[in-house]
Structure formats: C-alpha cells, structure tokens
Amino acid sequence: MAARHHRRIVAGVGTVLLGTGVTAFGIAPLAPDVGDLPVRQVVEPLSAATQGLLPGSLQAHQDGFVLYRNDTVRRDDNAQSLLQRLGVVDSQAQAFLRGDSLARQLFTGRPGKLVAIETSDRHELQRLTARWLSGGERGFERLVIERTPDGLQSRIEKGELTASSRLASGEIQSSLFASTDAIGLPDPVAVQLAEMFSAHIDFRRDLRRGDRFSLVYEVLEADGEALRSGRILSAEFINAGRAYHSVWFEAPGYKGGYYDFEGQSSLREYLSSPLEFTRVSSGYGMRFHPVHGDRRAHLGVDYAAPTGTPVRTVGDGVVSFSGRQGGYGNVVFVQHRRGHVTVYAHLSRIDVRQGQRLTQGQLVGAVGCTGTCTGPHLHFEFRDNGRHLDPLVALRNSESVPLAQNLRPQFEAVAQAQRQMLDAAATVVRASAE
C-alpha cells in the first residue's frame, strides 16, 4: 500500500515539475491562472511501517549529530570565552583547557591561532584542533584534544606547510593600501607589491585613479587552512598607462630575485625604506632642530612610527657597530658594498650584533626614542665612503643586477607561465566585477 502511495506522490510531483518547466520556457499564456486553481489540504499520518521511506541520514540524526565550528584565538581569550564563542557548553572541557599544559598553549604566544571544534548535539566538546606556526620557516604545530573513554586527552603534532598560489587584482581609487585592503590582500603581500615597483613608481606622488595591478602570490597552508602569506610570484602594475612587470626567479645555486619579463632585475640593490608602513617626518638638509633650537644640517631622514615598529636593513651587508652612541641612542651601522654605510638610530631595541652578516630586509631592531629625540621615530642615514647623501635619492637610484645569460632559458619558461597566470588574475577579477 505504501509503495502505491509512493508512486502516486512521485508521479504527482513529476507532473507539477513538468508544468513548471513548460511555464519556465515561456508558454504561460496557455495555462490557467494559478490563482484560479482549487486548493485542498491533505493530512495523512505516517505509520511505523512507512518510516523506511525517510532517508537513512535523517534516521541516523535522530540518534544525535555532530556540530562543527571554526574560529581564531583572540588576544584576550581564555578557556571560557573561546569555548563560549564556539558554542561549547561543557564545564569539563573548560577545566581541561585551563589545567592541561598542552591545552594552555592555545592562549600563549601570538593570537590568531586557527581553532576547529566538533561537539555533540548537546554542545559537549568531542574534538578540538588548533594550528599555529612553529619556529621553522615551513613548519607548523597542531594541538589535538579528543574525548576518549578515559576523558579528554591532548597531544601536539608537527607538520609541514604546503604552498598554494592565489590570484588577485585591483584598481586604484585613492591609495595603494586602500585598494589592497578593499580586495582583502594580506598586508605583507601589499608591502612586497609596493617594494617591487618602488624603483619605477613613487606611490605617494605618481599614482593615478584608475591605475591597475594584478598579482600571483603564495599562501602557506596547514591542513588546507591558510596560516600566512608567502612570496609574490609575479605582478603587473599599470601606472598612467604604462605597464611594469615583475616575476620571481630562483635557480639552484643562485640567489633568487625579481626580474621583469626581459630579465632585468626589478628589485634594486637597496629597499626604498627601512620601514614597511611609514611617512617621512623630517627630510634631508637644513632644518630647525627641535631639541637644540637652532638651524643646522640634518644629515639623514626621520621616519615617524610608533615605538616597537620593526626596522629592517635596506640591503645586504655586515653590522659594523651595534650599541649605544651619543645622541643616536641605540644605533646600528651596516657596511654594504662599494663603501656604502647605512645608519639606524634611536632604536628601542637592537636585534643584531657586531660582525653579523645581514640580508636585505632582515630586522635590525625596533623604532624608539633613545638618545636625543622628542618622540618615537627612526633616524636613517646613507653614507658613501664617509660622505652623507640624501637617503631617499640614494635608495631610489640604487643599481639593479641583470640576469646571468646561462639562466635565461630557465627564466623564459618561468616568465611565460607567470605571464599566463597574471592574465588569468586580471580576467577573473574583471569577470566577477561585471
């Protein structure tokens, strides 16, 4: 009997769907007005014998189900606030997160740890998994808390990050960083993008409304979850109608770098600034000294930034001095090639030692207000064989290194693949916008 009813119901549903299909194809004038059709409500109870008509998954859920949620650990989180936000109602789990030495690692170190939980339909914790970066460049740690017959148990596992590529594109409306924020580009990637083209584009003066950029960049993932961004693999920036390109190339036994599609180095010998996000508060040349109260030569530039802002070396070199020195306060001197020296002064802390070899972009310390100063900032100097130069001019005019001829075939293959990906990045974003 139930089988006959089932066939009639299926046939009726099929008829309704066919009628709807005819209407969708535009033959509605031949059908009666829906408002004129009679309506009749039919209520028929289901017996235990007809329970077999329910899908098996629905019957299984009658005996309980599992809830899944994800979140990140915030700066002021504790066991109670985290579990409450994840919808866990479990006093035993709260006590475990507070008392277990491995579980307490959730709330130590940097915030932002990725957390995924599984609970019963009574909101009791069944499993918690958290992932965060470890000390290594490509490693991560995984905290697993599971409910066992003996109660909650925890363990720490180590894993390797995997790299995947992501495409992005945007258009300048006001500033570069406003545009990168609008498309959700990570800040470290936005900084890389600015540095890649800083030798050609002054991002404070040269940008035009309607300028466009596309890029391909790495994301480092743990179990499919993005933990941090990596290197930009290629990028295109169109400024005032002129296109600039840059692609990362690294051959075995050679130092990697960025080149345009013709094989010329995109990055200069020096970075455009020792700080990532900053503004020049005092330029090079004569000025009224804020402490001494007279006019005197300012032999560097000052970058306004909060105390603790990371300071990086603008180029490869060796630390020739690291310590405290007169009005400079905490200061680092870095010796570069061809008699060049850069100076980083008023630091709140120093992260390098004398004689240490540095690579471009490596941290030397943090912004502060040690020595003679009126507020937190970085005083930066550039010297050429003992002669002071305007750092902004010296960094902007630094040399580029061409690609070695024997590497050109390998480079051409990489450049061609990246050019295709950049074309795809621009097309995908334009299509989504339309």
Protein backbone atom coordinates (compact mmCIF):
# COMPACT_ATOMS: atom_id res chain seq x y z
CA MET A 1 0.00 0.00 0.00
CA ALA A 2 2.84 2.38 0.95
CA ALA A 3 4.60 1.59 -2.31
CA ARG A 4 1.48 2.54 -4.34
CA HIS A 5 1.16 5.81 -2.43
CA HIS A 6 4.84 6.48 -3.02
CA ARG A 7 4.48 6.01 -6.78
CA ARG A 8 1.44 8.30 -6.88
CA ILE A 9 3.29 11.00 -4.94
CA VAL A 10 6.30 10.77 -7.25
CA ALA A 11 4.05 10.91 -10.31
CA GLY A 12 2.24 13.95 -8.92
CA VAL A 13 5.49 15.73 -8.17
CA GLY A 14 6.71 14.89 -11.66
CA THR A 15 3.56 16.39 -13.20
CA VAL A 16 3.98 19.59 -11.19
CA LEU A 17 7.65 19.85 -12.24
CA LEU A 18 6.74 19.32 -15.90
CA GLY A 19 4.14 22.04 -15.66
CA THR A 20 6.64 24.34 -14.06
CA GLY A 21 9.16 23.53 -16.80
CA VAL A 22 6.65 24.48 -19.51
CA THR A 23 5.98 27.77 -17.75
CA ALA A 24 9.71 28.46 -17.50
CA PHE A 25 10.05 28.10 -21.23
CA GLY A 26 7.50 30.83 -21.82
CA ILE A 27 4.21 29.09 -22.58
CA ALA A 28 2.46 30.51 -19.55
CA PRO A 29 -0.46 32.09 -21.55
CA LEU A 30 -1.76 28.59 -22.40
CA ALA A 31 -2.05 27.56 -18.74
CA PRO A 32 -4.82 28.59 -16.31
CA ASP A 33 -4.11 31.36 -13.83
CA VAL A 34 -2.60 29.87 -10.66
CA GLY A 35 -4.88 31.99 -8.53
CA ASP A 36 -7.95 30.28 -10.07
CA LEU A 37 -6.80 26.72 -9.27
CA PRO A 38 -8.58 24.95 -6.37
CA VAL A 39 -6.55 24.37 -3.23
CA ARG A 40 -7.09 21.35 -0.94
CA GLN A 41 -5.08 20.42 2.16
CA VAL A 42 -4.42 16.70 2.77
CA VAL A 43 -3.08 15.47 6.11
CA GLU A 44 -2.14 11.78 6.41
CA PRO A 45 -0.29 10.31 9.39
CA LEU A 46 2.71 8.02 8.78
CA SER A 47 2.75 4.66 10.48
CA ALA A 48 5.84 2.91 11.79
CA ALA A 49 5.82 0.79 8.64
CA THR A 50 6.36 3.84 6.45
CA GLN A 51 9.37 5.12 8.43
CA GLY A 52 11.57 3.31 5.93
CA LEU A 53 10.66 6.00 3.38
CA LEU A 54 12.83 8.51 5.29
CA PRO A 55 16.39 8.91 4.01
CA GLY A 56 18.87 6.90 6.06
CA SER A 57 20.87 10.02 7.00
CA LEU A 58 17.78 11.61 8.60
CA GLN A 59 17.06 8.45 10.61
CA ALA A 60 20.69 8.42 11.81
CA HIS A 61 20.43 12.03 13.01
CA GLN A 62 17.54 11.01 15.28
CA ASP A 63 20.19 9.35 17.47
CA GLY A 64 22.38 12.50 17.70
CA PHE A 65 24.61 14.53 15.39
CA VAL A 66 27.92 16.36 15.33
CA LEU A 67 28.29 20.16 15.14
CA TYR A 68 31.36 21.78 13.55
CA ARG A 69 32.63 25.33 14.13
CA ASN A 70 35.77 27.34 13.39
CA ASP A 71 37.27 30.49 14.89
CA THR A 72 40.58 32.07 15.87
CA VAL A 73 42.08 32.72 19.30
CA ARG A 74 41.86 36.41 20.17
CA ARG A 75 44.33 38.45 22.20
CA ASP A 76 42.32 38.45 25.47
CA ASP A 77 40.79 34.97 25.13
CA ASN A 78 40.68 32.40 27.92
CA ALA A 79 39.15 28.91 28.08
CA GLN A 80 35.68 30.22 28.94
CA SER A 81 35.50 32.99 26.31
CA LEU A 82 36.83 30.80 23.49
CA LEU A 83 34.51 27.88 24.16
CA GLN A 84 31.54 30.18 24.67
CA ARG A 85 32.16 31.83 21.28
CA LEU A 86 32.42 28.39 19.68
CA GLY A 87 29.09 27.33 21.21
CA VAL A 88 30.57 24.74 23.57
CA VAL A 89 28.63 24.19 26.81
CA ASP A 90 30.97 21.86 28.69
CA SER A 91 32.41 22.63 32.13
CA GLN A 92 34.72 19.62 31.90
CA ALA A 93 36.25 20.99 28.66
CA GLN A 94 36.73 24.42 30.27
CA ALA A 95 38.57 22.88 33.21
CA PHE A 96 40.71 20.80 30.85
CA LEU A 97 41.77 23.82 28.76
CA ARG A 98 42.70 25.68 31.95
CA GLY A 99 44.61 22.83 33.58
CA ASP A 100 46.29 20.85 30.79
CA SER A 101 49.83 22.04 29.96
CA LEU A 102 49.47 21.37 26.23
CA ALA A 103 45.99 22.90 26.01
CA ARG A 104 47.22 26.10 27.68
CA GLN A 105 49.44 26.74 24.64
CA LEU A 106 46.25 27.93 22.92
CA PHE A 107 46.45 31.13 24.94
CA THR A 108 50.21 31.76 24.94
CA GLY A 109 52.28 33.41 22.23
CA ARG A 110 50.72 35.33 19.39
CA PRO A 111 46.94 35.43 18.97
CA GLY A 112 45.29 34.27 15.76
CA LYS A 113 45.67 30.51 16.18
CA LEU A 114 43.14 28.66 14.00
CA VAL A 115 40.71 26.52 16.02
CA ALA A 116 38.21 23.93 14.76
CA ILE A 117 35.87 22.06 17.12
CA GLU A 118 33.40 19.19 16.97
CA THR A 119 30.60 18.94 19.54
CA SER A 120 27.67 16.65 20.19
CA ASP A 121 24.10 17.88 19.73
CA ARG A 122 24.24 18.65 23.46
CA HIS A 123 27.17 21.05 22.72
CA GLU A 124 29.71 18.89 24.57
CA LEU A 125 33.25 19.01 23.20
CA GLN A 126 34.25 15.90 21.24
CA ARG A 127 37.36 17.15 19.46
CA LEU A 128 39.35 20.39 19.21
CA THR A 129 42.10 21.02 16.67
CA ALA A 130 44.29 24.15 16.68
CA ARG A 131 47.10 25.08 14.30
CA TRP A 132 49.82 27.73 14.51
CA LEU A 133 53.22 28.50 13.03
CA SER A 134 56.25 26.92 14.66
CA GLY A 135 59.73 28.39 14.78
CA GLY A 136 60.75 26.98 11.38
CA GLU A 137 60.19 28.72 8.07
CA ARG A 138 57.88 25.98 6.71
CA GLY A 139 56.65 24.22 9.85
CA PHE A 140 53.51 24.36 11.99
CA GLU A 141 52.21 22.76 15.17
CA ARG A 142 48.86 21.08 15.61
CA LEU A 143 47.17 20.74 19.00
CA VAL A 144 44.59 17.95 19.14
CA ILE A 145 42.21 17.46 22.08
CA GLU A 146 39.91 14.44 21.86
CA ARG A 147 37.29 12.85 24.08
CA THR A 148 38.19 9.24 24.85
CA PRO A 149 36.64 6.61 27.18
CA ASP A 150 39.12 7.87 29.78
CA GLY A 151 38.14 11.52 29.30
CA LEU A 152 39.74 14.36 27.33
CA GLN A 153 43.29 13.76 26.08
CA SER A 154 45.71 16.17 24.35
CA ARG A 155 48.73 15.88 22.08
CA ILE A 156 50.95 18.14 19.95
CA GLU A 157 51.80 17.15 16.38
CA LYS A 158 54.22 18.79 13.94
CA GLY A 159 53.54 19.29 10.25
CA GLU A 160 54.96 20.94 7.14
CA LEU A 161 53.25 23.90 5.50
CA THR A 162 52.23 23.47 1.89
CA ALA A 163 52.31 26.32 -0.62
CA SER A 164 49.49 27.17 -2.99
CA SER A 165 49.10 30.07 -5.43
CA ARG A 166 46.40 32.72 -5.28
CA LEU A 167 45.41 35.33 -7.84
CA ALA A 168 44.43 38.91 -7.03
CA SER A 169 43.75 42.13 -8.89
CA GLY A 170 42.61 45.63 -8.03
CA GLU A 171 42.17 49.20 -9.19
CA ILE A 172 43.47 52.36 -7.53
CA GLN A 173 40.77 54.68 -6.23
CA SER A 174 42.73 56.68 -3.66
CA SER A 175 45.90 54.91 -2.46
CA LEU A 176 47.65 51.59 -3.00
CA PHE A 177 46.97 50.27 0.50
CA ALA A 178 43.32 51.33 0.41
CA SER A 179 42.96 49.30 -2.78
CA THR A 180 44.77 46.25 -1.41
CA ASP A 181 42.61 46.39 1.73
CA ALA A 182 39.48 46.54 -0.43
CA ILE A 183 40.33 43.22 -2.13
CA GLY A 184 41.46 41.55 1.11
CA LEU A 185 45.15 41.31 0.18
CA PRO A 186 47.33 40.49 3.24
CA ASP A 187 49.43 43.43 4.45
CA PRO A 188 52.80 41.65 3.94
CA VAL A 189 51.86 40.97 0.31
CA ALA A 190 50.79 44.60 -0.20
CA VAL A 191 54.18 45.74 1.15
CA GLN A 192 56.00 43.40 -1.22
CA LEU A 193 53.95 44.77 -4.12
CA ALA A 194 54.96 48.35 -3.27
CA GLU A 195 58.63 47.44 -2.92
CA MET A 196 58.71 45.52 -6.20
CA PHE A 197 57.85 48.64 -8.19
CA SER A 198 59.25 51.36 -5.91
CA ALA A 199 62.19 51.94 -8.27
CA HIS A 200 59.75 52.94 -11.04
CA ILE A 201 56.72 54.34 -9.18
CA ASP A 202 56.60 56.83 -6.32
CA PHE A 203 53.50 55.52 -4.57
CA ARG A 204 52.98 58.83 -2.75
CA ARG A 205 53.06 61.06 -5.85
CA ASP A 206 52.78 59.03 -9.07
CA LEU A 207 49.57 57.04 -8.51
CA ARG A 208 46.54 57.87 -10.66
CA ARG A 209 42.91 56.98 -10.15
CA GLY A 210 42.22 54.02 -12.43
CA ASP A 211 45.75 52.53 -12.21
CA ARG A 212 45.50 48.72 -12.05
CA PHE A 213 47.51 45.85 -10.61
CA SER A 214 47.39 42.06 -10.82
CA LEU A 215 49.48 39.54 -8.93
CA VAL A 216 50.09 35.88 -8.14
CA TYR A 217 51.26 35.13 -4.60
CA GLU A 218 51.94 32.18 -2.33
CA VAL A 219 49.80 31.17 0.63
CA LEU A 220 51.26 28.71 3.15
CA GLU A 221 48.63 26.30 4.44
CA ALA A 222 48.28 23.82 7.27
CA ASP A 223 45.73 21.06 6.59
CA GLY A 224 44.17 23.27 3.93
CA GLU A 225 43.90 26.32 6.22
CA ALA A 226 45.93 29.41 5.31
CA LEU A 227 48.32 30.29 8.15
CA ARG A 228 50.33 33.03 6.46
CA SER A 229 51.07 34.58 3.12
CA GLY A 230 54.32 33.93 1.32
CA ARG A 231 56.21 35.46 -1.57
CA ILE A 232 54.72 37.25 -4.57
CA LEU A 233 55.47 35.06 -7.59
CA SER A 234 54.63 37.65 -10.25
CA ALA A 235 52.93 41.02 -10.54
CA GLU A 236 51.87 43.64 -13.05
CA PHE A 237 51.27 47.31 -12.27
CA ILE A 238 49.80 49.73 -14.81
CA ASN A 239 50.59 53.32 -13.81
CA ALA A 240 49.49 56.25 -16.00
CA GLY A 241 49.03 53.84 -18.92
CA ARG A 242 52.49 52.27 -18.63
CA ALA A 243 52.80 48.61 -17.62
CA TYR A 244 55.51 47.32 -15.27
CA HIS A 245 56.10 43.62 -14.64
CA SER A 246 57.99 41.57 -12.08
CA VAL A 247 58.47 37.81 -11.68
CA TRP A 248 60.29 35.82 -9.00
CA PHE A 249 63.06 33.56 -10.32
CA GLU A 250 65.40 31.33 -8.34
CA ALA A 251 67.76 28.79 -9.89
CA PRO A 252 69.63 26.09 -7.92
CA GLY A 253 72.88 27.52 -6.56
CA TYR A 254 71.85 31.14 -7.24
CA LYS A 255 70.22 33.77 -5.07
CA GLY A 256 66.60 34.31 -6.08
CA GLY A 257 65.28 37.71 -7.10
CA TYR A 258 62.65 39.63 -9.04
CA TYR A 259 63.04 40.41 -12.74
CA ASP A 260 60.93 41.98 -15.42
CA PHE A 261 59.91 39.84 -18.39
CA GLU A 262 63.06 40.94 -20.25
CA GLY A 263 65.33 39.62 -17.47
CA GLN A 264 66.25 42.93 -15.83
CA SER A 265 66.23 42.97 -12.02
CA SER A 266 63.03 44.54 -10.64
CA LEU A 267 64.41 44.99 -7.14
CA ARG A 268 67.29 47.38 -6.61
CA GLU A 269 70.38 46.89 -4.51
CA TYR A 270 68.55 48.70 -1.68
CA LEU A 271 64.95 48.76 -0.46
CA SER A 272 63.12 52.06 -0.78
CA SER A 273 62.66 52.39 3.01
CA PRO A 274 63.88 50.75 6.24
CA LEU A 275 60.25 50.61 7.47
CA GLU A 276 57.28 48.92 5.83
CA PHE A 277 54.48 51.39 6.70
CA THR A 278 55.70 54.89 7.46
CA ARG A 279 55.95 58.53 6.47
CA VAL A 280 58.92 60.90 6.34
CA SER A 281 58.57 63.39 9.19
CA SER A 282 61.81 65.26 8.58
CA GLY A 283 63.82 65.30 5.35
CA TYR A 284 67.47 65.67 4.47
CA GLY A 285 69.12 69.14 4.58
CA MET A 286 68.99 72.28 6.71
CA ARG A 287 66.26 72.47 9.30
CA PHE A 288 65.30 73.97 12.68
CA HIS A 289 66.48 71.45 15.28
CA PRO A 290 63.60 70.58 17.65
CA VAL A 291 65.93 69.95 20.63
CA HIS A 292 68.83 72.41 20.22
CA GLY A 293 66.60 75.24 18.94
CA ASP A 294 68.80 76.39 16.04
CA ARG A 295 69.17 75.76 12.33
CA ARG A 296 71.60 73.00 11.45
CA ALA A 297 72.13 70.32 8.79
CA HIS A 298 70.00 67.21 9.09
CA LEU A 299 72.22 64.50 7.57
CA GLY A 300 69.51 61.87 7.26
CA VAL A 301 65.75 61.44 7.17
CA ASP A 302 63.36 60.76 10.04
CA TYR A 303 60.51 58.25 9.72
CA ALA A 304 57.61 58.75 12.15
CA ALA A 305 56.39 55.44 13.57
CA PRO A 306 55.17 54.03 16.91
CA THR A 307 57.64 52.55 19.37
CA GLY A 308 58.25 48.90 18.58
CA THR A 309 57.76 49.20 14.80
CA PRO A 310 60.20 46.75 13.13
CA VAL A 311 63.25 48.29 11.42
CA ARG A 312 64.99 46.37 8.61
CA THR A 313 68.26 46.73 6.76
CA VAL A 314 67.78 48.16 3.27
CA GLY A 315 70.46 45.95 1.73
CA ASP A 316 72.87 43.04 2.21
CA GLY A 317 75.78 43.87 4.49
CA VAL A 318 77.69 43.34 7.75
CA VAL A 319 76.95 45.03 11.09
CA SER A 320 79.92 47.30 11.76
CA PHE A 321 78.55 48.74 15.03
CA SER A 322 75.71 47.74 17.33
CA GLY A 323 75.12 49.52 20.65
CA ARG A 324 74.63 52.94 22.22
CA GLN A 325 76.33 56.04 20.81
CA GLY A 326 75.73 59.63 21.97
CA GLY A 327 72.73 61.41 20.52
CA TYR A 328 71.96 58.42 18.29
CA GLY A 329 70.96 56.40 21.36
CA ASN A 330 70.67 52.75 20.42
CA VAL A 331 72.08 52.60 16.91
CA VAL A 332 73.14 50.07 14.25
CA PHE A 333 75.66 50.73 11.46
CA VAL A 334 75.60 48.36 8.45
CA GLN A 335 78.51 48.20 5.99
CA HIS A 336 77.48 47.48 2.38
CA ARG A 337 79.39 47.07 -0.87
CA ARG A 338 81.35 49.87 -2.54
CA GLY A 339 81.92 51.80 0.70
CA HIS A 340 78.24 52.35 1.47
CA VAL A 341 77.08 52.52 5.11
CA THR A 342 73.53 52.84 6.45
CA VAL A 343 72.69 54.06 9.97
CA TYR A 344 69.58 53.18 12.06
CA ALA A 345 69.26 55.36 15.19
CA HIS A 346 67.06 55.98 18.28
CA LEU A 347 66.09 52.26 18.42
CA SER A 348 64.09 50.96 21.36
CA ARG A 349 65.86 47.61 20.99
CA ILE A 350 68.67 46.11 18.89
CA ASP A 351 68.25 42.67 17.32
CA VAL A 352 71.70 42.22 15.74
CA ARG A 353 75.31 42.02 16.93
CA GLN A 354 78.54 43.48 15.60
CA GLY A 355 80.05 41.36 12.82
CA GLN A 356 76.76 39.72 11.93
CA ARG A 357 76.06 39.27 8.21
CA LEU A 358 72.62 40.53 7.12
CA THR A 359 70.46 40.02 4.07
CA GLN A 360 68.19 42.67 2.57
CA GLY A 361 65.04 43.14 4.66
CA GLN A 362 66.41 41.45 7.79
CA LEU A 363 65.34 43.10 11.07
CA VAL A 364 67.97 45.14 12.91
CA GLY A 365 65.77 46.42 15.76
CA ALA A 366 62.65 48.46 16.53
CA VAL A 367 61.67 52.12 16.47
CA GLY A 368 62.12 54.00 19.74
CA CYS A 369 63.20 57.31 21.28
CA THR A 370 66.64 56.71 22.75
CA GLY A 371 69.37 59.36 22.62
CA THR A 372 68.48 62.92 21.56
CA CYS A 373 64.86 62.89 20.35
CA THR A 374 61.46 64.37 21.12
CA GLY A 375 59.28 61.39 20.17
CA PRO A 376 59.45 57.87 18.73
CA HIS A 377 60.91 57.77 15.21
CA LEU A 378 63.71 56.23 13.18
CA HIS A 379 66.64 58.42 12.14
CA PHE A 380 68.17 56.89 8.99
CA GLU A 381 71.38 57.88 7.18
CA PHE A 382 73.10 56.80 3.96
CA ARG A 383 76.86 57.36 3.59
CA ASP A 384 79.02 56.87 0.50
CA ASN A 385 82.68 56.44 1.54
CA GLY A 386 82.10 58.72 4.52
CA ARG A 387 80.07 61.35 2.62
CA HIS A 388 76.43 61.82 3.61
CA LEU A 389 73.84 61.50 0.80
CA ASP A 390 70.11 62.17 0.78
CA PRO A 391 68.84 58.66 1.66
CA LEU A 392 65.64 59.00 -0.38
CA VAL A 393 67.64 59.78 -3.54
CA ALA A 394 70.35 57.18 -2.86
CA LEU A 395 67.88 54.35 -2.29
CA ARG A 396 65.76 55.27 -5.29
CA ASN A 397 68.79 55.38 -7.62
CA SER A 398 70.44 52.17 -6.42
CA GLU A 399 71.69 49.71 -9.06
CA SER A 400 69.95 46.60 -10.36
CA VAL A 401 71.70 43.33 -11.24
CA PRO A 402 70.94 41.72 -14.65
CA LEU A 403 70.11 38.05 -15.08
CA ALA A 404 73.03 35.72 -15.87
CA GLN A 405 72.93 34.63 -19.53
CA ASN A 406 73.24 30.90 -18.75
CA LEU A 407 69.98 31.09 -16.73
CA ARG A 408 67.91 32.76 -19.43
CA PRO A 409 66.28 29.54 -20.87
CA GLN A 410 65.05 28.56 -17.39
CA PHE A 411 63.88 32.11 -16.74
CA GLU A 412 61.94 32.30 -20.01
CA ALA A 413 59.95 29.17 -19.06
CA VAL A 414 59.07 30.58 -15.64
CA ALA A 415 58.21 34.01 -17.07
CA GLN A 416 55.89 32.55 -19.71
CA ALA A 417 53.94 30.52 -17.11
CA GLN A 418 53.64 33.53 -14.79
CA ARG A 419 52.51 35.80 -17.62
CA GLN A 420 49.59 33.44 -18.28
CA MET A 421 48.66 33.41 -14.59
CA LEU A 422 48.71 37.22 -14.45
CA ASP A 423 46.38 37.35 -17.46
CA ALA A 424 44.06 34.94 -15.64
CA ALA A 425 44.16 37.07 -12.45
CA ALA A 426 43.05 40.18 -14.30
CA THR A 427 40.33 38.28 -16.21
CA VAL A 428 38.86 36.55 -13.14
CA VAL A 429 38.50 39.75 -11.12
CA ARG A 430 37.12 41.72 -14.07
CA ALA A 431 34.55 38.98 -14.71
CA SER A 432 33.46 38.91 -11.06
CA ALA A 433 33.09 42.70 -11.06
CA GLU A 434 30.91 42.61 -14.17
